[in-house]
Amino acid sequence: MNRALQLTGADLVRAVGSAAALPAVDAAVRGRAEKAAADLARAGTATRVLKRGDGDYLVTVSGSGVFAREFGAVDKPAEPFVAAALARAVKP
């Protein structure tokens, strides 16, 4: 790989990493995570939003039959709801 491209990539990683520490960026990421969690909760699941670091949030989803509902089962076709909730959460 070209040295200039490596430096540019490293600079981008530093810039994005430091931007995540900005309160406005962290709040925006948290807001999207909370919106996704709320959409998933309306679909009948238990959700939690966990902060892992600046601008780094994890949404957990649990509930009876979540895997079978999302991916299908022997007796039922899938009715994906996670992807739909995420799509709604990332719309500006």
PDB file of N, CA and C in Angstrom:
ATOM      1  N   MET A   1       0.841  -1.178   0.000  1.00  0.00           N
ATOM      2  CA  MET A   1       0.000   0.000   0.000  1.00  0.00           C
ATOM      3  C   MET A   1       0.884   1.240   0.000  1.00  0.00           C
ATOM      4  N   ASN A   2       0.451   2.251  -0.624  1.00  0.00           N
ATOM      5  CA  ASN A   2       1.137   3.521  -0.740  1.00  0.00           C
ATOM      6  C   ASN A   2       1.217   4.208   0.634  1.00  0.00           C
ATOM      7  N   ARG A   3       2.362   4.757   0.967  1.00  0.00           N
ATOM      8  CA  ARG A   3       2.575   5.385   2.281  1.00  0.00           C
ATOM      9  C   ARG A   3       1.615   6.565   2.516  1.00  0.00           C
ATOM     10  N   ALA A   4       1.376   7.387   1.499  1.00  0.00           N
ATOM     11  CA  ALA A   4       0.459   8.528   1.657  1.00  0.00           C
ATOM     12  C   ALA A   4      -0.945   8.052   1.981  1.00  0.00           C
ATOM     13  N   LEU A   5      -1.361   6.977   1.342  1.00  0.00           N
ATOM     14  CA  LEU A   5      -2.690   6.438   1.613  1.00  0.00           C
ATOM     15  C   LEU A   5      -2.762   5.907   3.041  1.00  0.00           C
ATOM     16  N   GLN A   6      -1.703   5.283   3.518  1.00  0.00           N
ATOM     17  CA  GLN A   6      -1.674   4.791   4.893  1.00  0.00           C
ATOM     18  C   GLN A   6      -1.789   5.944   5.881  1.00  0.00           C
ATOM     19  N   LEU A   7      -1.061   7.019   5.638  1.00  0.00           N
ATOM     20  CA  LEU A   7      -1.134   8.177   6.530  1.00  0.00           C
ATOM     21  C   LEU A   7      -2.528   8.789   6.507  1.00  0.00           C
ATOM     22  N   THR A   8      -3.112   8.910   5.325  1.00  0.00           N
ATOM     23  CA  THR A   8      -4.450   9.460   5.207  1.00  0.00           C
ATOM     24  C   THR A   8      -5.455   8.589   5.965  1.00  0.00           C
ATOM     25  N   GLY A   9      -5.344   7.263   5.821  1.00  0.00           N
ATOM     26  CA  GLY A   9      -6.237   6.350   6.541  1.00  0.00           C
ATOM     27  C   GLY A   9      -6.081   6.484   8.039  1.00  0.00           C
ATOM     28  N   ALA A  10      -4.839   6.573   8.509  1.00  0.00           N
ATOM     29  CA  ALA A  10      -4.589   6.715   9.942  1.00  0.00           C
ATOM     30  C   ALA A  10      -5.144   8.040  10.460  1.00  0.00           C
ATOM     31  N   ASP A  11      -4.983   9.112   9.664  1.00  0.00           N
ATOM     32  CA  ASP A  11      -5.521  10.412  10.063  1.00  0.00           C
ATOM     33  C   ASP A  11      -7.045  10.363  10.152  1.00  0.00           C
ATOM     34  N   LEU A  12      -7.668   9.671   9.221  1.00  0.00           N
ATOM     35  CA  LEU A  12      -9.124   9.549   9.230  1.00  0.00           C
ATOM     36  C   LEU A  12      -9.588   8.809  10.484  1.00  0.00           C
ATOM     37  N   VAL A  13      -8.900   7.731  10.820  1.00  0.00           N
ATOM     38  CA  VAL A  13      -9.264   6.973  12.023  1.00  0.00           C
ATOM     39  C   VAL A  13      -9.131   7.857  13.254  1.00  0.00           C
ATOM     40  N   ARG A  14      -8.067   8.638  13.349  1.00  0.00           N
ATOM     41  CA  ARG A  14      -7.884   9.544  14.499  1.00  0.00           C
ATOM     42  C   ARG A  14      -8.990  10.601  14.536  1.00  0.00           C
ATOM     43  N   ALA A  15      -9.306  11.167  13.387  1.00  0.00           N
ATOM     44  CA  ALA A  15     -10.327  12.216  13.339  1.00  0.00           C
ATOM     45  C   ALA A  15     -11.693  11.685  13.732  1.00  0.00           C
ATOM     46  N   VAL A  16     -12.056  10.538  13.210  1.00  0.00           N
ATOM     47  CA  VAL A  16     -13.355   9.951  13.540  1.00  0.00           C
ATOM     48  C   VAL A  16     -13.390   9.539  15.004  1.00  0.00           C
ATOM     49  N   GLY A  17     -12.293   8.964  15.480  1.00  0.00           N
ATOM     50  CA  GLY A  17     -12.230   8.562  16.882  1.00  0.00           C
ATOM     51  C   GLY A  17     -12.367   9.733  17.829  1.00  0.00           C
ATOM     52  N   SER A  18     -11.714  10.854  17.515  1.00  0.00           N
ATOM     53  CA  SER A  18     -11.809  12.013  18.399  1.00  0.00           C
ATOM     54  C   SER A  18     -13.177  12.690  18.269  1.00  0.00           C
ATOM     55  N   ALA A  19     -13.806  12.608  17.102  1.00  0.00           N
ATOM     56  CA  ALA A  19     -15.132  13.200  16.921  1.00  0.00           C
ATOM     57  C   ALA A  19     -16.163  12.484  17.781  1.00  0.00           C
ATOM     58  N   ALA A  20     -15.993  11.179  17.990  1.00  0.00           N
ATOM     59  CA  ALA A  20     -16.939  10.417  18.804  1.00  0.00           C
ATOM     60  C   ALA A  20     -16.951  10.905  20.240  1.00  0.00           C
ATOM     61  N   ALA A  21     -15.858  11.538  20.675  1.00  0.00           N
ATOM     62  CA  ALA A  21     -15.795  12.044  22.044  1.00  0.00           C
ATOM     63  C   ALA A  21     -16.546  13.362  22.206  1.00  0.00           C
ATOM     64  N   LEU A  22     -16.927  14.000  21.120  1.00  0.00           N
ATOM     65  CA  LEU A  22     -17.666  15.259  21.207  1.00  0.00           C
ATOM     66  C   LEU A  22     -19.065  14.995  21.757  1.00  0.00           C
ATOM     67  N   PRO A  23     -19.517  15.805  22.690  1.00  0.00           N
ATOM     68  CA  PRO A  23     -20.845  15.587  23.286  1.00  0.00           C
ATOM     69  C   PRO A  23     -21.972  15.512  22.259  1.00  0.00           C
ATOM     70  N   ALA A  24     -21.935  16.343  21.232  1.00  0.00           N
ATOM     71  CA  ALA A  24     -23.016  16.337  20.233  1.00  0.00           C
ATOM     72  C   ALA A  24     -23.029  15.035  19.441  1.00  0.00           C
ATOM     73  N   VAL A  25     -21.853  14.501  19.102  1.00  0.00           N
ATOM     74  CA  VAL A  25     -21.775  13.235  18.363  1.00  0.00           C
ATOM     75  C   VAL A  25     -22.257  12.101  19.254  1.00  0.00           C
ATOM     76  N   ASP A  26     -21.787  12.088  20.499  1.00  0.00           N
ATOM     77  CA  ASP A  26     -22.215  11.044  21.430  1.00  0.00           C
ATOM     78  C   ASP A  26     -23.730  11.075  21.619  1.00  0.00           C
ATOM     79  N   ALA A  27     -24.294  12.266  21.760  1.00  0.00           N
ATOM     80  CA  ALA A  27     -25.746  12.394  21.953  1.00  0.00           C
ATOM     81  C   ALA A  27     -26.515  11.922  20.724  1.00  0.00           C
ATOM     82  N   ALA A  28     -26.002  12.207  19.533  1.00  0.00           N
ATOM     83  CA  ALA A  28     -26.673  11.768  18.305  1.00  0.00           C
ATOM     84  C   ALA A  28     -26.647  10.254  18.187  1.00  0.00           C
ATOM     85  N   VAL A  29     -25.521   9.641  18.487  1.00  0.00           N
ATOM     86  CA  VAL A  29     -25.420   8.177  18.419  1.00  0.00           C
ATOM     87  C   VAL A  29     -26.332   7.549  19.473  1.00  0.00           C
ATOM     88  N   ARG A  30     -26.323   8.108  20.689  1.00  0.00           N
ATOM     89  CA  ARG A  30     -27.199   7.591  21.747  1.00  0.00           C
ATOM     90  C   ARG A  30     -28.661   7.707  21.335  1.00  0.00           C
ATOM     91  N   GLY A  31     -29.040   8.829  20.717  1.00  0.00           N
ATOM     92  CA  GLY A  31     -30.417   9.027  20.274  1.00  0.00           C
ATOM     93  C   GLY A  31     -30.849   7.984  19.262  1.00  0.00           C
ATOM     94  N   ARG A  32     -29.981   7.683  18.319  1.00  0.00           N
ATOM     95  CA  ARG A  32     -30.324   6.649  17.325  1.00  0.00           C
ATOM     96  C   ARG A  32     -30.430   5.277  17.967  1.00  0.00           C
ATOM     97  N   ALA A  33     -29.548   4.984  18.905  1.00  0.00           N
ATOM     98  CA  ALA A  33     -29.616   3.696  19.603  1.00  0.00           C
ATOM     99  C   ALA A  33     -30.920   3.594  20.394  1.00  0.00           C
ATOM    100  N   GLU A  34     -31.293   4.669  21.064  1.00  0.00           N
ATOM    101  CA  GLU A  34     -32.537   4.664  21.841  1.00  0.00           C
ATOM    102  C   GLU A  34     -33.759   4.547  20.935  1.00  0.00           C
ATOM    103  N   LYS A  35     -33.712   5.176  19.755  1.00  0.00           N
ATOM    104  CA  LYS A  35     -34.829   5.067  18.816  1.00  0.00           C
ATOM    105  C   LYS A  35     -34.957   3.633  18.311  1.00  0.00           C
ATOM    106  N   ALA A  36     -33.829   3.010  17.984  1.00  0.00           N
ATOM    107  CA  ALA A  36     -33.870   1.610  17.538  1.00  0.00           C
ATOM    108  C   ALA A  36     -34.419   0.722  18.646  1.00  0.00           C
ATOM    109  N   ALA A  37     -33.973   0.949  19.875  1.00  0.00           N
ATOM    110  CA  ALA A  37     -34.450   0.146  21.007  1.00  0.00           C
ATOM    111  C   ALA A  37     -35.955   0.317  21.203  1.00  0.00           C
ATOM    112  N   ALA A  38     -36.448   1.548  21.061  1.00  0.00           N
ATOM    113  CA  ALA A  38     -37.888   1.793  21.224  1.00  0.00           C
ATOM    114  C   ALA A  38     -38.687   1.092  20.130  1.00  0.00           C
ATOM    115  N   ASP A  39     -38.208   1.150  18.885  1.00  0.00           N
ATOM    116  CA  ASP A  39     -38.903   0.457  17.790  1.00  0.00           C
ATOM    117  C   ASP A  39     -38.922  -1.047  18.023  1.00  0.00           C
ATOM    118  N   LEU A  40     -37.822  -1.582  18.486  1.00  0.00           N
ATOM    119  CA  LEU A  40     -37.760  -3.024  18.752  1.00  0.00           C
ATOM    120  C   LEU A  40     -38.648  -3.394  19.936  1.00  0.00           C
ATOM    121  N   ALA A  41     -38.726  -2.543  20.935  1.00  0.00           N
ATOM    122  CA  ALA A  41     -39.594  -2.810  22.091  1.00  0.00           C
ATOM    123  C   ALA A  41     -41.062  -2.830  21.666  1.00  0.00           C
ATOM    124  N   ARG A  42     -41.438  -1.949  20.732  1.00  0.00           N
ATOM    125  CA  ARG A  42     -42.819  -1.953  20.230  1.00  0.00           C
ATOM    126  C   ARG A  42     -43.144  -3.245  19.494  1.00  0.00           C
ATOM    127  N   ALA A  43     -42.114  -3.944  19.023  1.00  0.00           N
ATOM    128  CA  ALA A  43     -42.326  -5.215  18.331  1.00  0.00           C
ATOM    129  C   ALA A  43     -42.436  -6.365  19.326  1.00  0.00           C
ATOM    130  N   GLY A  44     -42.488  -6.046  20.614  1.00  0.00           N
ATOM    131  CA  GLY A  44     -42.700  -7.072  21.624  1.00  0.00           C
ATOM    132  C   GLY A  44     -41.431  -7.703  22.169  1.00  0.00           C
ATOM    133  N   THR A  45     -40.336  -6.972  22.160  1.00  0.00           N
ATOM    134  CA  THR A  45     -39.084  -7.505  22.698  1.00  0.00           C
ATOM    135  C   THR A  45     -38.648  -6.679  23.898  1.00  0.00           C
ATOM    136  N   ALA A  46     -37.741  -7.233  24.668  1.00  0.00           N
ATOM    137  CA  ALA A  46     -37.100  -6.486  25.748  1.00  0.00           C
ATOM    138  C   ALA A  46     -35.795  -5.934  25.189  1.00  0.00           C
ATOM    139  N   THR A  47     -35.566  -4.658  25.370  1.00  0.00           N
ATOM    140  CA  THR A  47     -34.365  -4.034  24.821  1.00  0.00           C
ATOM    141  C   THR A  47     -33.629  -3.262  25.905  1.00  0.00           C
ATOM    142  N   ARG A  48     -32.331  -3.105  25.691  1.00  0.00           N
ATOM    143  CA  ARG A  48     -31.498  -2.269  26.566  1.00  0.00           C
ATOM    144  C   ARG A  48     -30.489  -1.546  25.700  1.00  0.00           C
ATOM    145  N   VAL A  49     -30.164  -0.332  26.083  1.00  0.00           N
ATOM    146  CA  VAL A  49     -29.113   0.436  25.416  1.00  0.00           C
ATOM    147  C   VAL A  49     -27.962   0.552  26.405  1.00  0.00           C
ATOM    148  N   LEU A  50     -26.804   0.081  25.981  1.00  0.00           N
ATOM    149  CA  LEU A  50     -25.621   0.110  26.835  1.00  0.00           C
ATOM    150  C   LEU A  50     -24.548   0.976  26.199  1.00  0.00           C
ATOM    151  N   LYS A  51     -23.961   1.867  26.983  1.00  0.00           N
ATOM    152  CA  LYS A  51     -22.865   2.698  26.489  1.00  0.00           C
ATOM    153  C   LYS A  51     -21.560   1.945  26.694  1.00  0.00           C
ATOM    154  N   ARG A  52     -20.798   1.787  25.587  1.00  0.00           N
ATOM    155  CA  ARG A  52     -19.510   1.096  25.675  1.00  0.00           C
ATOM    156  C   ARG A  52     -18.349   2.076  25.629  1.00  0.00           C
ATOM    157  N   GLY A  53     -18.607   3.283  25.190  1.00  0.00           N
ATOM    158  CA  GLY A  53     -17.567   4.304  25.094  1.00  0.00           C
ATOM    159  C   GLY A  53     -18.146   5.523  24.414  1.00  0.00           C
ATOM    160  N   ASP A  54     -17.293   6.511  24.154  1.00  0.00           N
ATOM    161  CA  ASP A  54     -17.757   7.714  23.483  1.00  0.00           C
ATOM    162  C   ASP A  54     -18.283   7.378  22.095  1.00  0.00           C
ATOM    163  N   GLY A  55     -19.545   7.691  21.846  1.00  0.00           N
ATOM    164  CA  GLY A  55     -20.144   7.428  20.546  1.00  0.00           C
ATOM    165  C   GLY A  55     -20.273   5.958  20.223  1.00  0.00           C
ATOM    166  N   ASP A  56     -20.259   5.104  21.228  1.00  0.00           N
ATOM    167  CA  ASP A  56     -20.302   3.653  21.032  1.00  0.00           C
ATOM    168  C   ASP A  56     -21.389   3.062  21.931  1.00  0.00           C
ATOM    169  N   TYR A  57     -22.539   2.755  21.328  1.00  0.00           N
ATOM    170  CA  TYR A  57     -23.679   2.219  22.072  1.00  0.00           C
ATOM    171  C   TYR A  57     -24.078   0.873  21.514  1.00  0.00           C
ATOM    172  N   LEU A  58     -24.540   0.005  22.389  1.00  0.00           N
ATOM    173  CA  LEU A  58     -24.971  -1.336  22.020  1.00  0.00           C
ATOM    174  C   LEU A  58     -26.443  -1.479  22.386  1.00  0.00           C
ATOM    175  N   VAL A  59     -27.244  -1.988  21.456  1.00  0.00           N
ATOM    176  CA  VAL A  59     -28.655  -2.251  21.722  1.00  0.00           C
ATOM    177  C   VAL A  59     -28.810  -3.759  21.814  1.00  0.00           C
ATOM    178  N   THR A  60     -29.290  -4.237  22.960  1.00  0.00           N
ATOM    179  CA  THR A  60     -29.544  -5.668  23.106  1.00  0.00           C
ATOM    180  C   THR A  60     -31.036  -5.919  22.952  1.00  0.00           C
ATOM    181  N   VAL A  61     -31.357  -7.048  22.353  1.00  0.00           N
ATOM    182  CA  VAL A  61     -32.747  -7.423  22.098  1.00  0.00           C
ATOM    183  C   VAL A  61     -32.939  -8.848  22.601  1.00  0.00           C
ATOM    184  N   SER A  62     -33.970  -9.066  23.392  1.00  0.00           N
ATOM    185  CA  SER A  62     -34.271 -10.423  23.840  1.00  0.00           C
ATOM    186  C   SER A  62     -35.782 -10.599  23.906  1.00  0.00           C
ATOM    187  N   GLY A  63     -36.183 -11.837  23.883  1.00  0.00           N
ATOM    188  CA  GLY A  63     -37.602 -12.142  23.966  1.00  0.00           C
ATOM    189  C   GLY A  63     -37.864 -13.544  23.463  1.00  0.00           C
ATOM    190  N   SER A  64     -38.998 -14.051  23.815  1.00  0.00           N
ATOM    191  CA  SER A  64     -39.372 -15.399  23.409  1.00  0.00           C
ATOM    192  C   SER A  64     -39.537 -15.477  21.898  1.00  0.00           C
ATOM    193  N   GLY A  65     -38.836 -16.386  21.271  1.00  0.00           N
ATOM    194  CA  GLY A  65     -38.984 -16.624  19.844  1.00  0.00           C
ATOM    195  C   GLY A  65     -38.378 -15.575  18.929  1.00  0.00           C
ATOM    196  N   VAL A  66     -37.508 -14.708  19.463  1.00  0.00           N
ATOM    197  CA  VAL A  66     -36.938 -13.638  18.635  1.00  0.00           C
ATOM    198  C   VAL A  66     -36.167 -14.219  17.450  1.00  0.00           C
ATOM    199  N   PHE A  67     -35.335 -15.219  17.685  1.00  0.00           N
ATOM    200  CA  PHE A  67     -34.537 -15.792  16.592  1.00  0.00           C
ATOM    201  C   PHE A  67     -35.449 -16.390  15.521  1.00  0.00           C
ATOM    202  N   ALA A  68     -36.431 -17.172  15.937  1.00  0.00           N
ATOM    203  CA  ALA A  68     -37.336 -17.802  14.965  1.00  0.00           C
ATOM    204  C   ALA A  68     -38.136 -16.752  14.212  1.00  0.00           C
ATOM    205  N   ARG A  69     -38.516 -15.695  14.900  1.00  0.00           N
ATOM    206  CA  ARG A  69     -39.295 -14.648  14.252  1.00  0.00           C
ATOM    207  C   ARG A  69     -38.448 -13.907  13.209  1.00  0.00           C
ATOM    208  N   GLU A  70     -37.222 -13.602  13.554  1.00  0.00           N
ATOM    209  CA  GLU A  70     -36.360 -12.841  12.653  1.00  0.00           C
ATOM    210  C   GLU A  70     -35.875 -13.671  11.479  1.00  0.00           C
ATOM    211  N   PHE A  71     -35.490 -14.922  11.747  1.00  0.00           N
ATOM    212  CA  PHE A  71     -34.849 -15.739  10.714  1.00  0.00           C
ATOM    213  C   PHE A  71     -35.713 -16.876  10.184  1.00  0.00           C
ATOM    214  N   GLY A  72     -36.873 -17.071  10.771  1.00  0.00           N
ATOM    215  CA  GLY A  72     -37.746 -18.148  10.325  1.00  0.00           C
ATOM    216  C   GLY A  72     -37.564 -19.387  11.174  1.00  0.00           C
ATOM    217  N   ALA A  73     -38.491 -20.284  11.048  1.00  0.00           N
ATOM    218  CA  ALA A  73     -38.454 -21.538  11.807  1.00  0.00           C
ATOM    219  C   ALA A  73     -39.005 -22.637  10.914  1.00  0.00           C
ATOM    220  N   VAL A  74     -38.975 -23.848  11.410  1.00  0.00           N
ATOM    221  CA  VAL A  74     -39.461 -24.981  10.634  1.00  0.00           C
ATOM    222  C   VAL A  74     -40.923 -24.787  10.259  1.00  0.00           C
ATOM    223  N   ASP A  75     -41.716 -24.267  11.191  1.00  0.00           N
ATOM    224  CA  ASP A  75     -43.157 -24.159  10.955  1.00  0.00           C
ATOM    225  C   ASP A  75     -43.629 -22.774  10.534  1.00  0.00           C
ATOM    226  N   LYS A  76     -42.726 -21.774  10.457  1.00  0.00           N
ATOM    227  CA  LYS A  76     -43.138 -20.417  10.106  1.00  0.00           C
ATOM    228  C   LYS A  76     -42.060 -19.723   9.286  1.00  0.00           C
ATOM    229  N   PRO A  77     -42.475 -18.941   8.312  1.00  0.00           N
ATOM    230  CA  PRO A  77     -41.484 -18.134   7.590  1.00  0.00           C
ATOM    231  C   PRO A  77     -41.025 -16.964   8.466  1.00  0.00           C
ATOM    232  N   ALA A  78     -39.918 -16.393   8.103  1.00  0.00           N
ATOM    233  CA  ALA A  78     -39.395 -15.245   8.846  1.00  0.00           C
ATOM    234  C   ALA A  78     -40.292 -14.029   8.652  1.00  0.00           C
ATOM    235  N   GLU A  79     -40.344 -13.206   9.665  1.00  0.00           N
ATOM    236  CA  GLU A  79     -40.986 -11.897   9.567  1.00  0.00           C
ATOM    237  C   GLU A  79     -39.993 -10.897  10.159  1.00  0.00           C
ATOM    238  N   PRO A  80     -38.937 -10.589   9.398  1.00  0.00           N
ATOM    239  CA  PRO A  80     -37.859  -9.754   9.933  1.00  0.00           C
ATOM    240  C   PRO A  80     -38.355  -8.424  10.474  1.00  0.00           C
ATOM    241  N   PHE A  81     -38.019  -8.151  11.716  1.00  0.00           N
ATOM    242  CA  PHE A  81     -38.418  -6.894  12.323  1.00  0.00           C
ATOM    243  C   PHE A  81     -37.209  -6.096  12.799  1.00  0.00           C
ATOM    244  N   VAL A  82     -36.081  -6.756  13.018  1.00  0.00           N
ATOM    245  CA  VAL A  82     -34.894  -6.037  13.474  1.00  0.00           C
ATOM    246  C   VAL A  82     -34.394  -5.095  12.375  1.00  0.00           C
ATOM    247  N   ALA A  83     -34.262  -5.602  11.165  1.00  0.00           N
ATOM    248  CA  ALA A  83     -33.776  -4.761  10.059  1.00  0.00           C
ATOM    249  C   ALA A  83     -34.710  -3.577   9.830  1.00  0.00           C
ATOM    250  N   ALA A  84     -36.004  -3.804   9.929  1.00  0.00           N
ATOM    251  CA  ALA A  84     -36.971  -2.713   9.733  1.00  0.00           C
ATOM    252  C   ALA A  84     -36.824  -1.648  10.821  1.00  0.00           C
ATOM    253  N   ALA A  85     -36.638  -2.062  12.064  1.00  0.00           N
ATOM    254  CA  ALA A  85     -36.460  -1.105  13.157  1.00  0.00           C
ATOM    255  C   ALA A  85     -35.170  -0.319  12.981  1.00  0.00           C
ATOM    256  N   LEU A  86     -34.115  -0.989  12.561  1.00  0.00           N
ATOM    257  CA  LEU A  86     -32.843  -0.293  12.345  1.00  0.00           C
ATOM    258  C   LEU A  86     -32.960   0.697  11.193  1.00  0.00           C
ATOM    259  N   ALA A  87     -33.658   0.327  10.146  1.00  0.00           N
ATOM    260  CA  ALA A  87     -33.837   1.234   9.016  1.00  0.00           C
ATOM    261  C   ALA A  87     -34.579   2.491   9.441  1.00  0.00           C
ATOM    262  N   ARG A  88     -35.592   2.332  10.295  1.00  0.00           N
ATOM    263  CA  ARG A  88     -36.322   3.506  10.794  1.00  0.00           C
ATOM    264  C   ARG A  88     -35.424   4.366  11.683  1.00  0.00           C
ATOM    265  N   ALA A  89     -34.553   3.731  12.444  1.00  0.00           N
ATOM    266  CA  ALA A  89     -33.702   4.462  13.388  1.00  0.00           C
ATOM    267  C   ALA A  89     -32.617   5.264  12.688  1.00  0.00           C
ATOM    268  N   VAL A  90     -32.175   4.833  11.523  1.00  0.00           N
ATOM    269  CA  VAL A  90     -31.080   5.545  10.869  1.00  0.00           C
ATOM    270  C   VAL A  90     -31.565   6.603   9.885  1.00  0.00           C
ATOM    271  N   LYS A  91     -32.860   6.712   9.680  1.00  0.00           N
ATOM    272  CA  LYS A  91     -33.376   7.788   8.817  1.00  0.00           C
ATOM    273  C   LYS A  91     -33.169   9.109   9.531  1.00  0.00           C
ATOM    274  N   PRO A  92     -32.648  10.098   8.804  1.00  0.00           N
ATOM    275  CA  PRO A  92     -32.422  11.418   9.449  1.00  0.00           C
ATOM    276  C   PRO A  92     -33.720  12.092   9.831  1.00  0.00           C
TER     277      PRO A  92
END
